[in-house]
C-alpha cells in the first residue's frame, strides 16, 4: 500500500483541563499557527471524542518539522501550558514524545 504524508496520534486530555484545552484550540495563537506552517505542517486537524483527541496533519518531513517546533520559543510557551493538560508529553526533545498511529489504509 502506498503511504500518505499524514501523521496522526491520540492523546487524552485531563477532565479538569478539558474546557481550557478546547478553548485554546478553538482560538489558537496566530504565532503558533505560523510556526507550524514554517515547519512544513499542513492540513492539520484535531478531532474530539469526550476527553480523547485525535490529531492528524500532513508533512513531507516530520522529523524536520518536530525539530523546528522544538526550537520555537512560541511553540514551547504553548506546549508548556498545554502539556500540563494532557496525559503524555509535548517535549519534542524526548526520544519518543508522540506515539504515531500506524496508517493501515490510504485512498489517494
PDB file of N, CA and C in Angstrom:
ATOM      1  N   UNK A   1       0.829  -1.179   0.000  1.00  0.00           N
ATOM      2  CA  UNK A   1       0.000   0.000   0.000  1.00  0.00           C
ATOM      3  C   UNK A   1       0.881   1.253   0.000  1.00  0.00           C
ATOM      4  N   UNK A   2       0.510   2.198  -0.817  1.00  0.00           N
ATOM      5  CA  UNK A   2       1.192   3.484  -0.830  1.00  0.00           C
ATOM      6  C   UNK A   2       0.870   4.219   0.467  1.00  0.00           C
ATOM      7  N   UNK A   3       1.883   4.846   1.064  1.00  0.00           N
ATOM      8  CA  UNK A   3       1.694   5.602   2.289  1.00  0.00           C
ATOM      9  C   UNK A   3       1.449   7.073   1.969  1.00  0.00           C
ATOM     10  N   UNK A   4       0.612   7.682   2.764  1.00  0.00           N
ATOM     11  CA  UNK A   4       0.381   9.114   2.617  1.00  0.00           C
ATOM     12  C   UNK A   4       1.484   9.883   3.347  1.00  0.00           C
ATOM     13  N   UNK A   5       1.384  11.166   3.309  1.00  0.00           N
ATOM     14  CA  UNK A   5       2.313  12.024   4.055  1.00  0.00           C
ATOM     15  C   UNK A   5       1.625  12.519   5.334  1.00  0.00           C
ATOM     16  N   UNK A   6       0.706  11.702   5.864  1.00  0.00           N
ATOM     17  CA  UNK A   6      -0.045  12.066   7.055  1.00  0.00           C
ATOM     18  C   UNK A   6       0.620  11.501   8.298  1.00  0.00           C
ATOM     19  N   UNK A   7       0.438  12.206   9.398  1.00  0.00           N
ATOM     20  CA  UNK A   7       0.970  11.808  10.690  1.00  0.00           C
ATOM     21  C   UNK A   7      -0.176  11.974  11.679  1.00  0.00           C
ATOM     22  N   UNK A   8      -0.447  10.951  12.479  1.00  0.00           N
ATOM     23  CA  UNK A   8      -1.581  11.013  13.395  1.00  0.00           C
ATOM     24  C   UNK A   8      -1.233  10.383  14.736  1.00  0.00           C
ATOM     25  N   UNK A   9      -1.898  10.860  15.779  1.00  0.00           N
ATOM     26  CA  UNK A   9      -1.753  10.289  17.119  1.00  0.00           C
ATOM     27  C   UNK A   9      -2.975  10.678  17.932  1.00  0.00           C
ATOM     28  N   UNK A  10      -3.106  10.075  19.096  1.00  0.00           N
ATOM     29  CA  UNK A  10      -4.175  10.441  20.012  1.00  0.00           C
ATOM     30  C   UNK A  10      -3.583  10.812  21.353  1.00  0.00           C
ATOM     31  N   UNK A  11      -4.312  11.651  22.060  1.00  0.00           N
ATOM     32  CA  UNK A  11      -3.973  11.989  23.421  1.00  0.00           C
ATOM     33  C   UNK A  11      -5.252  12.093  24.229  1.00  0.00           C
ATOM     34  N   UNK A  12      -5.121  11.846  25.504  1.00  0.00           N
ATOM     35  CA  UNK A  12      -6.225  12.023  26.428  1.00  0.00           C
ATOM     36  C   UNK A  12      -5.972  13.302  27.209  1.00  0.00           C
ATOM     37  N   UNK A  13      -6.977  14.164  27.237  1.00  0.00           N
ATOM     38  CA  UNK A  13      -6.896  15.407  27.983  1.00  0.00           C
ATOM     39  C   UNK A  13      -7.520  15.166  29.357  1.00  0.00           C
ATOM     40  N   UNK A  14      -6.861  15.657  30.380  1.00  0.00           N
ATOM     41  CA  UNK A  14      -7.360  15.508  31.742  1.00  0.00           C
ATOM     42  C   UNK A  14      -8.727  16.185  31.852  1.00  0.00           C
ATOM     43  N   UNK A  15      -9.672  15.506  32.480  1.00  0.00           N
ATOM     44  CA  UNK A  15     -11.041  16.028  32.616  1.00  0.00           C
ATOM     45  C   UNK A  15     -11.059  17.438  33.196  1.00  0.00           C
ATOM     46  N   UNK A  16     -10.209  17.698  34.171  1.00  0.00           N
ATOM     47  CA  UNK A  16     -10.190  19.006  34.831  1.00  0.00           C
ATOM     48  C   UNK A  16      -9.697  20.126  33.906  1.00  0.00           C
ATOM     49  N   UNK A  17      -9.069  19.771  32.798  1.00  0.00           N
ATOM     50  CA  UNK A  17      -8.495  20.759  31.878  1.00  0.00           C
ATOM     51  C   UNK A  17      -9.234  20.831  30.541  1.00  0.00           C
ATOM     52  N   UNK A  18     -10.256  20.026  30.400  1.00  0.00           N
ATOM     53  CA  UNK A  18     -10.914  19.868  29.102  1.00  0.00           C
ATOM     54  C   UNK A  18     -11.424  21.187  28.526  1.00  0.00           C
ATOM     55  N   UNK A  19     -12.107  21.961  29.316  1.00  0.00           N
ATOM     56  CA  UNK A  19     -12.680  23.218  28.819  1.00  0.00           C
ATOM     57  C   UNK A  19     -11.587  24.184  28.360  1.00  0.00           C
ATOM     58  N   UNK A  20     -10.540  24.326  29.158  1.00  0.00           N
ATOM     59  CA  UNK A  20      -9.446  25.230  28.806  1.00  0.00           C
ATOM     60  C   UNK A  20      -8.696  24.750  27.563  1.00  0.00           C
ATOM     61  N   UNK A  21      -8.472  23.444  27.467  1.00  0.00           N
ATOM     62  CA  UNK A  21      -7.754  22.871  26.325  1.00  0.00           C
ATOM     63  C   UNK A  21      -8.522  23.137  25.024  1.00  0.00           C
ATOM     64  N   UNK A  22      -9.819  22.891  25.062  1.00  0.00           N
ATOM     65  CA  UNK A  22     -10.639  23.131  23.871  1.00  0.00           C
ATOM     66  C   UNK A  22     -10.638  24.615  23.523  1.00  0.00           C
ATOM     67  N   UNK A  23     -10.789  25.468  24.513  1.00  0.00           N
ATOM     68  CA  UNK A  23     -10.808  26.917  24.268  1.00  0.00           C
ATOM     69  C   UNK A  23      -9.509  27.380  23.609  1.00  0.00           C
ATOM     70  N   UNK A  24      -8.385  26.854  24.054  1.00  0.00           N
ATOM     71  CA  UNK A  24      -7.100  27.242  23.453  1.00  0.00           C
ATOM     72  C   UNK A  24      -7.010  26.820  21.990  1.00  0.00           C
ATOM     73  N   UNK A  25      -7.626  25.700  21.649  1.00  0.00           N
ATOM     74  CA  UNK A  25      -7.551  25.215  20.272  1.00  0.00           C
ATOM     75  C   UNK A  25      -8.630  25.803  19.376  1.00  0.00           C
ATOM     76  N   UNK A  26      -9.701  26.282  19.970  1.00  0.00           N
ATOM     77  CA  UNK A  26     -10.724  26.984  19.198  1.00  0.00           C
ATOM     78  C   UNK A  26     -10.191  28.353  18.764  1.00  0.00           C
ATOM     79  N   UNK A  27      -9.344  28.938  19.605  1.00  0.00           N
ATOM     80  CA  UNK A  27      -8.773  30.258  19.326  1.00  0.00           C
ATOM     81  C   UNK A  27      -7.259  30.218  19.558  1.00  0.00           C
ATOM     82  N   UNK A  28      -6.521  29.493  18.684  1.00  0.00           N
ATOM     83  CA  UNK A  28      -5.069  29.347  18.901  1.00  0.00           C
ATOM     84  C   UNK A  28      -4.311  30.633  18.618  1.00  0.00           C
ATOM     85  N   UNK A  29      -3.122  30.713  19.197  1.00  0.00           N
ATOM     86  CA  UNK A  29      -2.256  31.859  18.966  1.00  0.00           C
ATOM     87  C   UNK A  29      -1.809  31.882  17.505  1.00  0.00           C
ATOM     88  N   UNK A  30      -1.972  33.008  16.832  1.00  0.00           N
ATOM     89  CA  UNK A  30      -1.544  33.101  15.425  1.00  0.00           C
ATOM     90  C   UNK A  30      -0.060  32.753  15.232  1.00  0.00           C
ATOM     91  N   UNK A  31       0.780  33.106  16.202  1.00  0.00           N
ATOM     92  CA  UNK A  31       2.213  32.821  16.090  1.00  0.00           C
ATOM     93  C   UNK A  31       2.489  31.314  16.086  1.00  0.00           C
ATOM     94  N   UNK A  32       1.699  30.564  16.823  1.00  0.00           N
ATOM     95  CA  UNK A  32       1.863  29.109  16.853  1.00  0.00           C
ATOM     96  C   UNK A  32       1.468  28.520  15.499  1.00  0.00           C
ATOM     97  N   UNK A  33       0.387  29.020  14.941  1.00  0.00           N
ATOM     98  CA  UNK A  33      -0.043  28.552  13.618  1.00  0.00           C
ATOM     99  C   UNK A  33       1.040  28.855  12.570  1.00  0.00           C
ATOM    100  N   UNK A  34       1.588  30.058  12.642  1.00  0.00           N
ATOM    101  CA  UNK A  34       2.629  30.451  11.681  1.00  0.00           C
ATOM    102  C   UNK A  34       3.854  29.548  11.809  1.00  0.00           C
ATOM    103  N   UNK A  35       4.252  29.212  13.030  1.00  0.00           N
ATOM    104  CA  UNK A  35       5.415  28.353  13.237  1.00  0.00           C
ATOM    105  C   UNK A  35       5.165  26.947  12.687  1.00  0.00           C
ATOM    106  N   UNK A  36       3.966  26.429  12.868  1.00  0.00           N
ATOM    107  CA  UNK A  36       3.652  25.107  12.314  1.00  0.00           C
ATOM    108  C   UNK A  36       3.719  25.131  10.783  1.00  0.00           C
ATOM    109  N   UNK A  37       3.241  26.207  10.196  1.00  0.00           N
ATOM    110  CA  UNK A  37       3.307  26.344   8.745  1.00  0.00           C
ATOM    111  C   UNK A  37       4.764  26.410   8.283  1.00  0.00           C
ATOM    112  N   UNK A  38       5.581  27.201   8.981  1.00  0.00           N
ATOM    113  CA  UNK A  38       7.006  27.299   8.641  1.00  0.00           C
ATOM    114  C   UNK A  38       7.707  25.953   8.788  1.00  0.00           C
ATOM    115  N   UNK A  39       7.236  25.142   9.714  1.00  0.00           N
ATOM    116  CA  UNK A  39       7.828  23.814   9.937  1.00  0.00           C
ATOM    117  C   UNK A  39       7.459  22.825   8.837  1.00  0.00           C
ATOM    118  N   UNK A  40       6.503  23.197   7.994  1.00  0.00           N
ATOM    119  CA  UNK A  40       6.096  22.317   6.906  1.00  0.00           C
ATOM    120  C   UNK A  40       4.851  21.501   7.205  1.00  0.00           C
ATOM    121  N   UNK A  41       4.167  21.840   8.278  1.00  0.00           N
ATOM    122  CA  UNK A  41       2.948  21.133   8.660  1.00  0.00           C
ATOM    123  C   UNK A  41       1.772  21.784   7.954  1.00  0.00           C
ATOM    124  N   UNK A  42       0.915  20.957   7.376  1.00  0.00           N
ATOM    125  CA  UNK A  42      -0.259  21.472   6.662  1.00  0.00           C
ATOM    126  C   UNK A  42      -1.452  20.539   6.893  1.00  0.00           C
ATOM    127  N   UNK A  43      -2.623  21.047   6.579  1.00  0.00           N
ATOM    128  CA  UNK A  43      -3.867  20.271   6.708  1.00  0.00           C
ATOM    129  C   UNK A  43      -3.970  19.613   8.087  1.00  0.00           C
ATOM    130  N   UNK A  44      -3.725  20.392   9.112  1.00  0.00           N
ATOM    131  CA  UNK A  44      -3.720  19.918  10.492  1.00  0.00           C
ATOM    132  C   UNK A  44      -5.142  19.972  11.047  1.00  0.00           C
ATOM    133  N   UNK A  45      -5.622  18.858  11.546  1.00  0.00           N
ATOM    134  CA  UNK A  45      -6.943  18.789  12.166  1.00  0.00           C
ATOM    135  C   UNK A  45      -6.844  18.099  13.515  1.00  0.00           C
ATOM    136  N   UNK A  46      -7.711  18.519  14.426  1.00  0.00           N
ATOM    137  CA  UNK A  46      -7.853  17.857  15.714  1.00  0.00           C
ATOM    138  C   UNK A  46      -9.332  17.554  15.887  1.00  0.00           C
ATOM    139  N   UNK A  47      -9.629  16.311  16.247  1.00  0.00           N
ATOM    140  CA  UNK A  47     -10.997  15.873  16.467  1.00  0.00           C
ATOM    141  C   UNK A  47     -11.152  15.448  17.918  1.00  0.00           C
ATOM    142  N   UNK A  48     -12.319  15.719  18.488  1.00  0.00           N
ATOM    143  CA  UNK A  48     -12.573  15.421  19.896  1.00  0.00           C
ATOM    144  C   UNK A  48     -13.670  14.384  20.048  1.00  0.00           C
ATOM    145  N   UNK A  49     -13.453  13.451  20.963  1.00  0.00           N
ATOM    146  CA  UNK A  49     -14.472  12.494  21.396  1.00  0.00           C
ATOM    147  C   UNK A  49     -14.377  12.433  22.920  1.00  0.00           C
ATOM    148  N   UNK A  50     -15.174  13.242  23.601  1.00  0.00           N
ATOM    149  CA  UNK A  50     -15.061  13.342  25.054  1.00  0.00           C
ATOM    150  C   UNK A  50     -13.736  13.977  25.410  1.00  0.00           C
ATOM    151  N   UNK A  51     -12.914  13.267  26.199  1.00  0.00           N
ATOM    152  CA  UNK A  51     -11.599  13.820  26.525  1.00  0.00           C
ATOM    153  C   UNK A  51     -10.485  13.135  25.722  1.00  0.00           C
ATOM    154  N   UNK A  52     -10.879  12.383  24.702  1.00  0.00           N
ATOM    155  CA  UNK A  52      -9.919  11.759  23.784  1.00  0.00           C
ATOM    156  C   UNK A  52      -9.846  12.616  22.523  1.00  0.00           C
ATOM    157  N   UNK A  53      -8.617  12.944  22.110  1.00  0.00           N
ATOM    158  CA  UNK A  53      -8.414  13.797  20.945  1.00  0.00           C
ATOM    159  C   UNK A  53      -7.580  13.060  19.905  1.00  0.00           C
ATOM    160  N   UNK A  54      -7.964  13.242  18.646  1.00  0.00           N
ATOM    161  CA  UNK A  54      -7.269  12.636  17.514  1.00  0.00           C
ATOM    162  C   UNK A  54      -6.668  13.773  16.696  1.00  0.00           C
ATOM    163  N   UNK A  55      -5.360  13.689  16.463  1.00  0.00           N
ATOM    164  CA  UNK A  55      -4.601  14.723  15.753  1.00  0.00           C
ATOM    165  C   UNK A  55      -4.095  14.151  14.437  1.00  0.00           C
ATOM    166  N   UNK A  56      -4.224  14.920  13.371  1.00  0.00           N
ATOM    167  CA  UNK A  56      -3.753  14.448  12.070  1.00  0.00           C
ATOM    168  C   UNK A  56      -3.289  15.650  11.253  1.00  0.00           C
ATOM    169  N   UNK A  57      -2.110  15.502  10.645  1.00  0.00           N
ATOM    170  CA  UNK A  57      -1.631  16.541   9.737  1.00  0.00           C
ATOM    171  C   UNK A  57      -0.808  15.900   8.636  1.00  0.00           C
ATOM    172  N   UNK A  58      -0.531  16.689   7.618  1.00  0.00           N
ATOM    173  CA  UNK A  58       0.334  16.248   6.526  1.00  0.00           C
ATOM    174  C   UNK A  58       1.664  16.992   6.634  1.00  0.00           C
ATOM    175  N   UNK A  59       2.725  16.284   6.263  1.00  0.00           N
ATOM    176  CA  UNK A  59       4.060  16.879   6.341  1.00  0.00           C
ATOM    177  C   UNK A  59       5.019  16.024   5.520  1.00  0.00           C
ATOM    178  N   UNK A  60       5.880  16.666   4.758  1.00  0.00           N
ATOM    179  CA  UNK A  60       6.848  15.920   3.947  1.00  0.00           C
ATOM    180  C   UNK A  60       7.986  15.358   4.779  1.00  0.00           C
ATOM    181  N   UNK A  61       8.357  16.039   5.866  1.00  0.00           N
ATOM    182  CA  UNK A  61       9.466  15.591   6.706  1.00  0.00           C
ATOM    183  C   UNK A  61       9.111  15.849   8.173  1.00  0.00           C
ATOM    184  N   UNK A  62       8.496  14.862   8.804  1.00  0.00           N
ATOM    185  CA  UNK A  62       8.024  15.005  10.181  1.00  0.00           C
ATOM    186  C   UNK A  62       9.183  15.265  11.144  1.00  0.00           C
ATOM    187  N   UNK A  63      10.295  14.576  10.965  1.00  0.00           N
ATOM    188  CA  UNK A  63      11.428  14.777  11.866  1.00  0.00           C
ATOM    189  C   UNK A  63      11.928  16.221  11.811  1.00  0.00           C
ATOM    190  N   UNK A  64      12.037  16.761  10.623  1.00  0.00           N
ATOM    191  CA  UNK A  64      12.477  18.154  10.479  1.00  0.00           C
ATOM    192  C   UNK A  64      11.445  19.116  11.072  1.00  0.00           C
ATOM    193  N   UNK A  65      10.176  18.821  10.873  1.00  0.00           N
ATOM    194  CA  UNK A  65       9.115  19.674  11.421  1.00  0.00           C
ATOM    195  C   UNK A  65       9.165  19.690  12.942  1.00  0.00           C
ATOM    196  N   UNK A  66       9.303  18.512  13.550  1.00  0.00           N
ATOM    197  CA  UNK A  66       9.357  18.445  15.002  1.00  0.00           C
ATOM    198  C   UNK A  66      10.614  19.114  15.542  1.00  0.00           C
ATOM    199  N   UNK A  67      11.721  19.013  14.828  1.00  0.00           N
ATOM    200  CA  UNK A  67      12.953  19.686  15.245  1.00  0.00           C
ATOM    201  C   UNK A  67      12.756  21.201  15.222  1.00  0.00           C
ATOM    202  N   UNK A  68      12.080  21.691  14.190  1.00  0.00           N
ATOM    203  CA  UNK A  68      11.805  23.123  14.091  1.00  0.00           C
ATOM    204  C   UNK A  68      10.916  23.574  15.250  1.00  0.00           C
ATOM    205  N   UNK A  69       9.844  22.842  15.502  1.00  0.00           N
ATOM    206  CA  UNK A  69       8.912  23.170  16.582  1.00  0.00           C
ATOM    207  C   UNK A  69       9.633  23.158  17.934  1.00  0.00           C
ATOM    208  N   UNK A  70      10.526  22.202  18.127  1.00  0.00           N
ATOM    209  CA  UNK A  70      11.258  22.075  19.391  1.00  0.00           C
ATOM    210  C   UNK A  70      12.107  23.301  19.684  1.00  0.00           C
ATOM    211  N   UNK A  71      12.537  23.996  18.648  1.00  0.00           N
ATOM    212  CA  UNK A  71      13.378  25.181  18.820  1.00  0.00           C
ATOM    213  C   UNK A  71      12.579  26.483  18.819  1.00  0.00           C
ATOM    214  N   UNK A  72      11.292  26.392  18.585  1.00  0.00           N
ATOM    215  CA  UNK A  72      10.447  27.585  18.506  1.00  0.00           C
ATOM    216  C   UNK A  72      10.051  28.058  19.903  1.00  0.00           C
ATOM    217  N   UNK A  73      10.402  29.280  20.224  1.00  0.00           N
ATOM    218  CA  UNK A  73      10.091  29.834  21.545  1.00  0.00           C
ATOM    219  C   UNK A  73       8.584  29.898  21.789  1.00  0.00           C
ATOM    220  N   UNK A  74       7.833  30.368  20.809  1.00  0.00           N
ATOM    221  CA  UNK A  74       6.383  30.497  20.998  1.00  0.00           C
ATOM    222  C   UNK A  74       5.729  29.115  21.114  1.00  0.00           C
ATOM    223  N   UNK A  75       6.209  28.141  20.368  1.00  0.00           N
ATOM    224  CA  UNK A  75       5.647  26.787  20.476  1.00  0.00           C
ATOM    225  C   UNK A  75       5.975  26.167  21.828  1.00  0.00           C
ATOM    226  N   UNK A  76       7.149  26.473  22.351  1.00  0.00           N
ATOM    227  CA  UNK A  76       7.499  25.958  23.675  1.00  0.00           C
ATOM    228  C   UNK A  76       6.618  26.585  24.754  1.00  0.00           C
ATOM    229  N   UNK A  77       6.276  27.862  24.618  1.00  0.00           N
ATOM    230  CA  UNK A  77       5.363  28.503  25.572  1.00  0.00           C
ATOM    231  C   UNK A  77       3.988  27.845  25.513  1.00  0.00           C
ATOM    232  N   UNK A  78       3.507  27.605  24.298  1.00  0.00           N
ATOM    233  CA  UNK A  78       2.220  26.930  24.110  1.00  0.00           C
ATOM    234  C   UNK A  78       2.272  25.525  24.721  1.00  0.00           C
ATOM    235  N   UNK A  79       3.328  24.807  24.407  1.00  0.00           N
ATOM    236  CA  UNK A  79       3.462  23.434  24.897  1.00  0.00           C
ATOM    237  C   UNK A  79       3.611  23.376  26.416  1.00  0.00           C
ATOM    238  N   UNK A  80       4.261  24.371  27.009  1.00  0.00           N
ATOM    239  CA  UNK A  80       4.373  24.418  28.466  1.00  0.00           C
ATOM    240  C   UNK A  80       2.987  24.509  29.111  1.00  0.00           C
ATOM    241  N   UNK A  81       2.102  25.283  28.500  1.00  0.00           N
ATOM    242  CA  UNK A  81       0.742  25.408  29.023  1.00  0.00           C
ATOM    243  C   UNK A  81      -0.073  24.134  28.793  1.00  0.00           C
ATOM    244  N   UNK A  82      -0.057  23.661  27.562  1.00  0.00           N
ATOM    245  CA  UNK A  82      -0.938  22.534  27.221  1.00  0.00           C
ATOM    246  C   UNK A  82      -0.414  21.183  27.684  1.00  0.00           C
ATOM    247  N   UNK A  83       0.886  21.060  27.895  1.00  0.00           N
ATOM    248  CA  UNK A  83       1.423  19.762  28.314  1.00  0.00           C
ATOM    249  C   UNK A  83       0.933  19.361  29.691  1.00  0.00           C
ATOM    250  N   UNK A  84       0.575  20.327  30.499  1.00  0.00           N
ATOM    251  CA  UNK A  84       0.030  20.030  31.830  1.00  0.00           C
ATOM    252  C   UNK A  84      -1.408  19.516  31.729  1.00  0.00           C
ATOM    253  N   UNK A  85      -2.015  19.668  30.570  1.00  0.00           N
ATOM    254  CA  UNK A  85      -3.423  19.307  30.386  1.00  0.00           C
ATOM    255  C   UNK A  85      -3.625  17.910  29.811  1.00  0.00           C
ATOM    256  N   UNK A  86      -2.567  17.320  29.272  1.00  0.00           N
ATOM    257  CA  UNK A  86      -2.706  16.024  28.602  1.00  0.00           C
ATOM    258  C   UNK A  86      -1.946  14.935  29.353  1.00  0.00           C
ATOM    259  N   UNK A  87      -2.335  13.714  29.083  1.00  0.00           N
ATOM    260  CA  UNK A  87      -1.596  12.563  29.586  1.00  0.00           C
ATOM    261  C   UNK A  87      -0.601  12.176  28.504  1.00  0.00           C
ATOM    262  N   UNK A  88       0.619  12.639  28.634  1.00  0.00           N
ATOM    263  CA  UNK A  88       1.648  12.424  27.625  1.00  0.00           C
ATOM    264  C   UNK A  88       2.634  13.571  27.644  1.00  0.00           C
ATOM    265  N   UNK A  89       3.416  13.693  26.589  1.00  0.00           N
ATOM    266  CA  UNK A  89       4.464  14.705  26.555  1.00  0.00           C
ATOM    267  C   UNK A  89       4.464  15.459  25.237  1.00  0.00           C
ATOM    268  N   UNK A  90       4.650  16.762  25.339  1.00  0.00           N
ATOM    269  CA  UNK A  90       4.843  17.615  24.173  1.00  0.00           C
ATOM    270  C   UNK A  90       6.321  17.898  23.933  1.00  0.00           C
ATOM    271  N   UNK A  91       7.186  17.347  24.767  1.00  0.00           N
ATOM    272  CA  UNK A  91       8.609  17.657  24.672  1.00  0.00           C
ATOM    273  C   UNK A  91       9.223  16.917  23.489  1.00  0.00           C
ATOM    274  N   UNK A  92       9.417  17.641  22.400  1.00  0.00           N
ATOM    275  CA  UNK A  92       9.939  17.018  21.183  1.00  0.00           C
ATOM    276  C   UNK A  92      11.420  16.660  21.308  1.00  0.00           C
ATOM    277  N   UNK A  93      12.053  17.053  22.395  1.00  0.00           N
ATOM    278  CA  UNK A  93      13.444  16.670  22.608  1.00  0.00           C
ATOM    279  C   UNK A  93      13.545  15.275  23.225  1.00  0.00           C
ATOM    280  N   UNK A  94      12.417  14.747  23.707  1.00  0.00           N
ATOM    281  CA  UNK A  94      12.406  13.375  24.216  1.00  0.00           C
ATOM    282  C   UNK A  94      12.534  12.420  23.033  1.00  0.00           C
ATOM    283  N   UNK A  95      12.983  11.223  23.310  1.00  0.00           N
ATOM    284  CA  UNK A  95      13.205  10.275  22.217  1.00  0.00           C
ATOM    285  C   UNK A  95      11.906   9.861  21.527  1.00  0.00           C
ATOM    286  N   UNK A  96      10.793   9.865  22.233  1.00  0.00           N
ATOM    287  CA  UNK A  96       9.527   9.437  21.633  1.00  0.00           C
ATOM    288  C   UNK A  96       8.357  10.171  22.282  1.00  0.00           C
ATOM    289  N   UNK A  97       8.228  11.477  22.033  1.00  0.00           N
ATOM    290  CA  UNK A  97       7.184  12.225  22.734  1.00  0.00           C
ATOM    291  C   UNK A  97       5.778  11.937  22.241  1.00  0.00           C
ATOM    292  N   UNK A  98       5.640  11.587  20.988  1.00  0.00           N
ATOM    293  CA  UNK A  98       4.339  11.285  20.399  1.00  0.00           C
ATOM    294  C   UNK A  98       4.424   9.884  19.822  1.00  0.00           C
ATOM    295  N   UNK A  99       3.441   9.078  20.098  1.00  0.00           N
ATOM    296  CA  UNK A  99       3.416   7.733  19.534  1.00  0.00           C
ATOM    297  C   UNK A  99       2.524   7.760  18.298  1.00  0.00           C
ATOM    298  N   UNK A 100       3.129   7.790  17.101  1.00  0.00           N
ATOM    299  CA  UNK A 100       2.326   7.885  15.882  1.00  0.00           C
ATOM    300  C   UNK A 100       1.478   6.641  15.679  1.00  0.00           C
ATOM    301  N   UNK A 101       0.319   6.862  15.114  1.00  0.00           N
ATOM    302  CA  UNK A 101      -0.562   5.760  14.759  1.00  0.00           C
ATOM    303  C   UNK A 101      -0.104   5.167  13.428  1.00  0.00           C
ATOM    304  N   UNK A 102      -0.226   3.874  13.313  1.00  0.00           N
ATOM    305  CA  UNK A 102       0.132   3.193  12.066  1.00  0.00           C
ATOM    306  C   UNK A 102      -0.974   3.411  11.039  1.00  0.00           C
ATOM    307  N   UNK A 103      -0.590   3.852   9.869  1.00  0.00           N
ATOM    308  CA  UNK A 103      -1.559   4.029   8.794  1.00  0.00           C
ATOM    309  C   UNK A 103      -1.784   2.676   8.127  1.00  0.00           C
ATOM    310  N   UNK A 104      -3.031   2.220   8.126  1.00  0.00           N
ATOM    311  CA  UNK A 104      -3.336   0.923   7.513  1.00  0.00           C
ATOM    312  C   UNK A 104      -4.181   1.044   6.247  1.00  0.00           C
ATOM    313  N   UNK A 105      -4.629   2.250   5.934  1.00  0.00           N
ATOM    314  CA  UNK A 105      -5.387   2.452   4.711  1.00  0.00           C
ATOM    315  C   UNK A 105      -5.207   3.880   4.251  1.00  0.00           C
ATOM    316  N   UNK A 106      -5.089   4.027   2.930  1.00  0.00           N
ATOM    317  CA  UNK A 106      -4.948   5.354   2.344  1.00  0.00           C
ATOM    318  C   UNK A 106      -5.575   5.333   0.956  1.00  0.00           C
ATOM    319  N   UNK A 107      -6.531   6.220   0.713  1.00  0.00           N
ATOM    320  CA  UNK A 107      -7.152   6.375  -0.604  1.00  0.00           C
ATOM    321  C   UNK A 107      -6.701   7.717  -1.152  1.00  0.00           C
ATOM    322  N   UNK A 108      -5.742   7.699  -2.095  1.00  0.00           N
ATOM    323  CA  UNK A 108      -5.256   8.975  -2.643  1.00  0.00           C
ATOM    324  C   UNK A 108      -6.298   9.658  -3.533  1.00  0.00           C
TER     325      UNK A 108
END
